[in-house]
Amino acid sequence: MEGQTLQLIGSLVAILVLAAIAWALKLGRSANIEGAQHAMALASEADSGFDPAEAAVSRDGASAIVAEKTGRIMVLRSHGAQFAGRVLEPGSTTQVESHTLTVTPADRRYGPVTLDLGDQAQAWAARIDALHATQDA
């Protein structure tokens, strides 16, 4: 009986140690963008040359769109427990359905990003579509 109790305590201690290691490494956490300031910080981390001025976060917190004062725009999305960002280039496409904006970067390997931006969806789509005009000018 005493041996089983020690084994049980040892097992519990081992489980707690593993849980602490997983927590310290931030394993298993869901990636959420907490707000515009967080999105801008993530954009700066994704591209050190990107100087964010404003951002809009999808209602689910899984993606965001960030703009510089110069007009460059980046999309962010969760990639596991981290975030990946792409600066949009001419050739990026948009599609708006109601309050949802889907952005497909010119770099097709990144894949489309869908953001629920509410009333801001159409305005962000227009800004992205304007990237074509700056290329033609």
Protein backbone atom coordinates (compact mmCIF):
# COMPACT_ATOMS: atom_id res chain seq x y z
CA MET A 1 0.00 0.00 0.00
CA GLU A 2 2.79 2.41 0.91
CA GLY A 3 4.60 1.69 -2.39
CA GLN A 4 1.42 2.45 -4.37
CA THR A 5 0.98 5.76 -2.52
CA LEU A 6 4.56 6.79 -3.32
CA GLN A 7 4.06 5.79 -6.95
CA LEU A 8 0.84 7.84 -7.13
CA ILE A 9 2.53 10.90 -5.60
CA GLY A 10 5.49 10.50 -7.95
CA SER A 11 3.17 10.30 -10.95
CA LEU A 12 1.27 13.42 -9.86
CA VAL A 13 4.52 15.34 -9.39
CA ALA A 14 5.71 14.25 -12.85
CA ILE A 15 2.42 15.39 -14.43
CA LEU A 16 2.66 18.78 -12.71
CA VAL A 17 6.26 19.20 -13.86
CA LEU A 18 5.27 18.43 -17.46
CA ALA A 19 2.32 20.82 -17.24
CA ALA A 20 4.63 23.56 -15.94
CA ILE A 21 7.06 22.98 -18.80
CA ALA A 22 4.23 23.13 -21.36
CA TRP A 23 2.94 26.35 -19.78
CA ALA A 24 6.42 27.91 -19.75
CA LEU A 25 6.90 27.05 -23.43
CA LYS A 26 3.38 28.33 -24.20
CA LEU A 27 2.46 25.04 -25.82
CA GLY A 28 -1.17 24.37 -26.60
CA ARG A 29 -2.33 27.95 -26.22
CA SER A 30 -4.67 29.31 -28.82
CA ALA A 31 -3.35 32.26 -30.76
CA ASN A 32 -5.56 35.34 -30.50
CA ILE A 33 -4.91 38.93 -31.40
CA GLU A 34 -6.09 40.90 -28.41
CA GLY A 35 -6.67 44.24 -30.12
CA ALA A 36 -5.29 46.86 -32.49
CA GLN A 37 -2.18 47.56 -30.40
CA HIS A 38 -1.36 43.85 -30.21
CA ALA A 39 -1.87 43.51 -33.99
CA MET A 40 0.52 46.42 -34.62
CA ALA A 41 3.15 44.87 -32.33
CA LEU A 42 2.79 41.54 -34.16
CA ALA A 43 3.18 43.30 -37.53
CA SER A 44 6.41 44.91 -36.33
CA GLU A 45 7.66 41.50 -35.21
CA ALA A 46 6.76 39.93 -38.56
CA ASP A 47 8.64 42.62 -40.53
CA SER A 48 11.07 44.87 -38.68
CA GLY A 49 10.83 47.46 -41.47
CA PHE A 50 7.07 47.76 -41.13
CA ASP A 51 5.96 50.82 -39.14
CA PRO A 52 2.28 50.25 -38.24
CA ALA A 53 -0.06 53.20 -37.77
CA GLU A 54 -3.48 51.55 -37.55
CA ALA A 55 -5.05 48.12 -37.41
CA ALA A 56 -8.35 46.28 -37.50
CA VAL A 57 -8.76 42.90 -35.83
CA SER A 58 -11.17 40.23 -36.98
CA ARG A 59 -13.96 39.61 -34.47
CA ASP A 60 -12.65 36.09 -33.81
CA GLY A 61 -9.16 37.42 -32.99
CA ALA A 62 -7.50 35.00 -35.40
CA SER A 63 -6.46 37.57 -38.01
CA ALA A 64 -5.89 41.28 -38.48
CA ILE A 65 -5.05 43.86 -41.09
CA VAL A 66 -2.48 46.56 -40.35
CA ALA A 67 -1.50 49.69 -42.29
CA GLU A 68 1.46 52.05 -42.29
CA LYS A 69 1.12 55.80 -42.79
CA THR A 70 2.89 55.33 -46.13
CA GLY A 71 0.04 53.11 -47.36
CA ARG A 72 1.65 49.67 -47.10
CA ILE A 73 -0.75 47.07 -45.71
CA MET A 74 -0.05 43.77 -43.96
CA VAL A 75 -2.36 40.90 -43.14
CA LEU A 76 -1.75 38.74 -40.07
CA ARG A 77 -3.18 35.36 -39.23
CA SER A 78 -2.62 32.72 -36.63
CA HIS A 79 -0.20 29.97 -37.54
CA GLY A 80 -0.39 27.46 -34.71
CA ALA A 81 0.48 29.31 -31.51
CA GLN A 82 2.31 32.03 -33.49
CA PHE A 83 1.35 34.60 -36.11
CA ALA A 84 2.40 34.99 -39.72
CA GLY A 85 2.24 38.26 -41.63
CA ARG A 86 2.44 39.28 -45.29
CA VAL A 87 2.85 42.76 -46.70
CA LEU A 88 0.35 43.07 -49.51
CA GLU A 89 1.63 43.89 -52.96
CA PRO A 90 -0.14 44.88 -56.15
CA GLY A 91 -1.91 41.76 -57.35
CA SER A 92 -3.50 41.06 -53.98
CA THR A 93 -7.23 40.55 -54.32
CA THR A 94 -10.19 41.20 -52.06
CA GLN A 95 -13.71 39.90 -51.75
CA VAL A 96 -16.32 41.41 -49.44
CA GLU A 97 -19.43 39.56 -48.33
CA SER A 98 -21.54 41.47 -45.85
CA HIS A 99 -19.11 42.27 -43.00
CA THR A 100 -16.44 39.76 -44.03
CA LEU A 101 -13.34 40.62 -46.03
CA THR A 102 -11.27 37.90 -47.70
CA VAL A 103 -7.80 38.98 -48.76
CA THR A 104 -5.68 36.85 -51.07
CA PRO A 105 -2.09 38.15 -51.10
CA ALA A 106 -0.16 38.25 -54.38
CA ASP A 107 2.10 35.66 -52.72
CA ARG A 108 -0.33 32.77 -53.16
CA ARG A 109 1.68 30.50 -50.84
CA TYR A 110 0.36 32.52 -47.89
CA GLY A 111 -3.21 31.71 -48.83
CA PRO A 112 -6.38 33.73 -48.35
CA VAL A 113 -7.15 35.43 -45.03
CA THR A 114 -10.76 35.98 -43.98
CA LEU A 115 -11.50 38.78 -41.52
CA ASP A 116 -14.84 39.66 -39.94
CA LEU A 117 -14.37 43.43 -39.75
CA GLY A 118 -17.96 44.55 -39.50
CA ASP A 119 -18.57 47.93 -41.12
CA GLN A 120 -14.83 48.38 -41.81
CA ALA A 121 -14.63 45.52 -44.33
CA GLN A 122 -15.53 47.61 -47.38
CA ALA A 123 -13.14 50.45 -46.48
CA TRP A 124 -10.19 48.06 -46.03
CA ALA A 125 -11.04 46.34 -49.33
CA ALA A 126 -10.94 49.71 -51.10
CA ARG A 127 -7.52 50.49 -49.58
CA ILE A 128 -6.13 47.14 -50.72
CA ASP A 129 -7.64 47.53 -54.19
CA ALA A 130 -5.97 50.96 -54.38
CA LEU A 131 -2.59 49.18 -54.33
CA HIS A 132 -3.20 48.46 -58.03
CA ALA A 133 -3.58 52.18 -58.72
CA THR A 134 -0.26 53.03 -57.01
CA GLN A 135 1.48 50.43 -59.19
CA ASP A 136 -0.01 51.92 -62.38
CA ALA A 137 0.83 55.53 -61.43
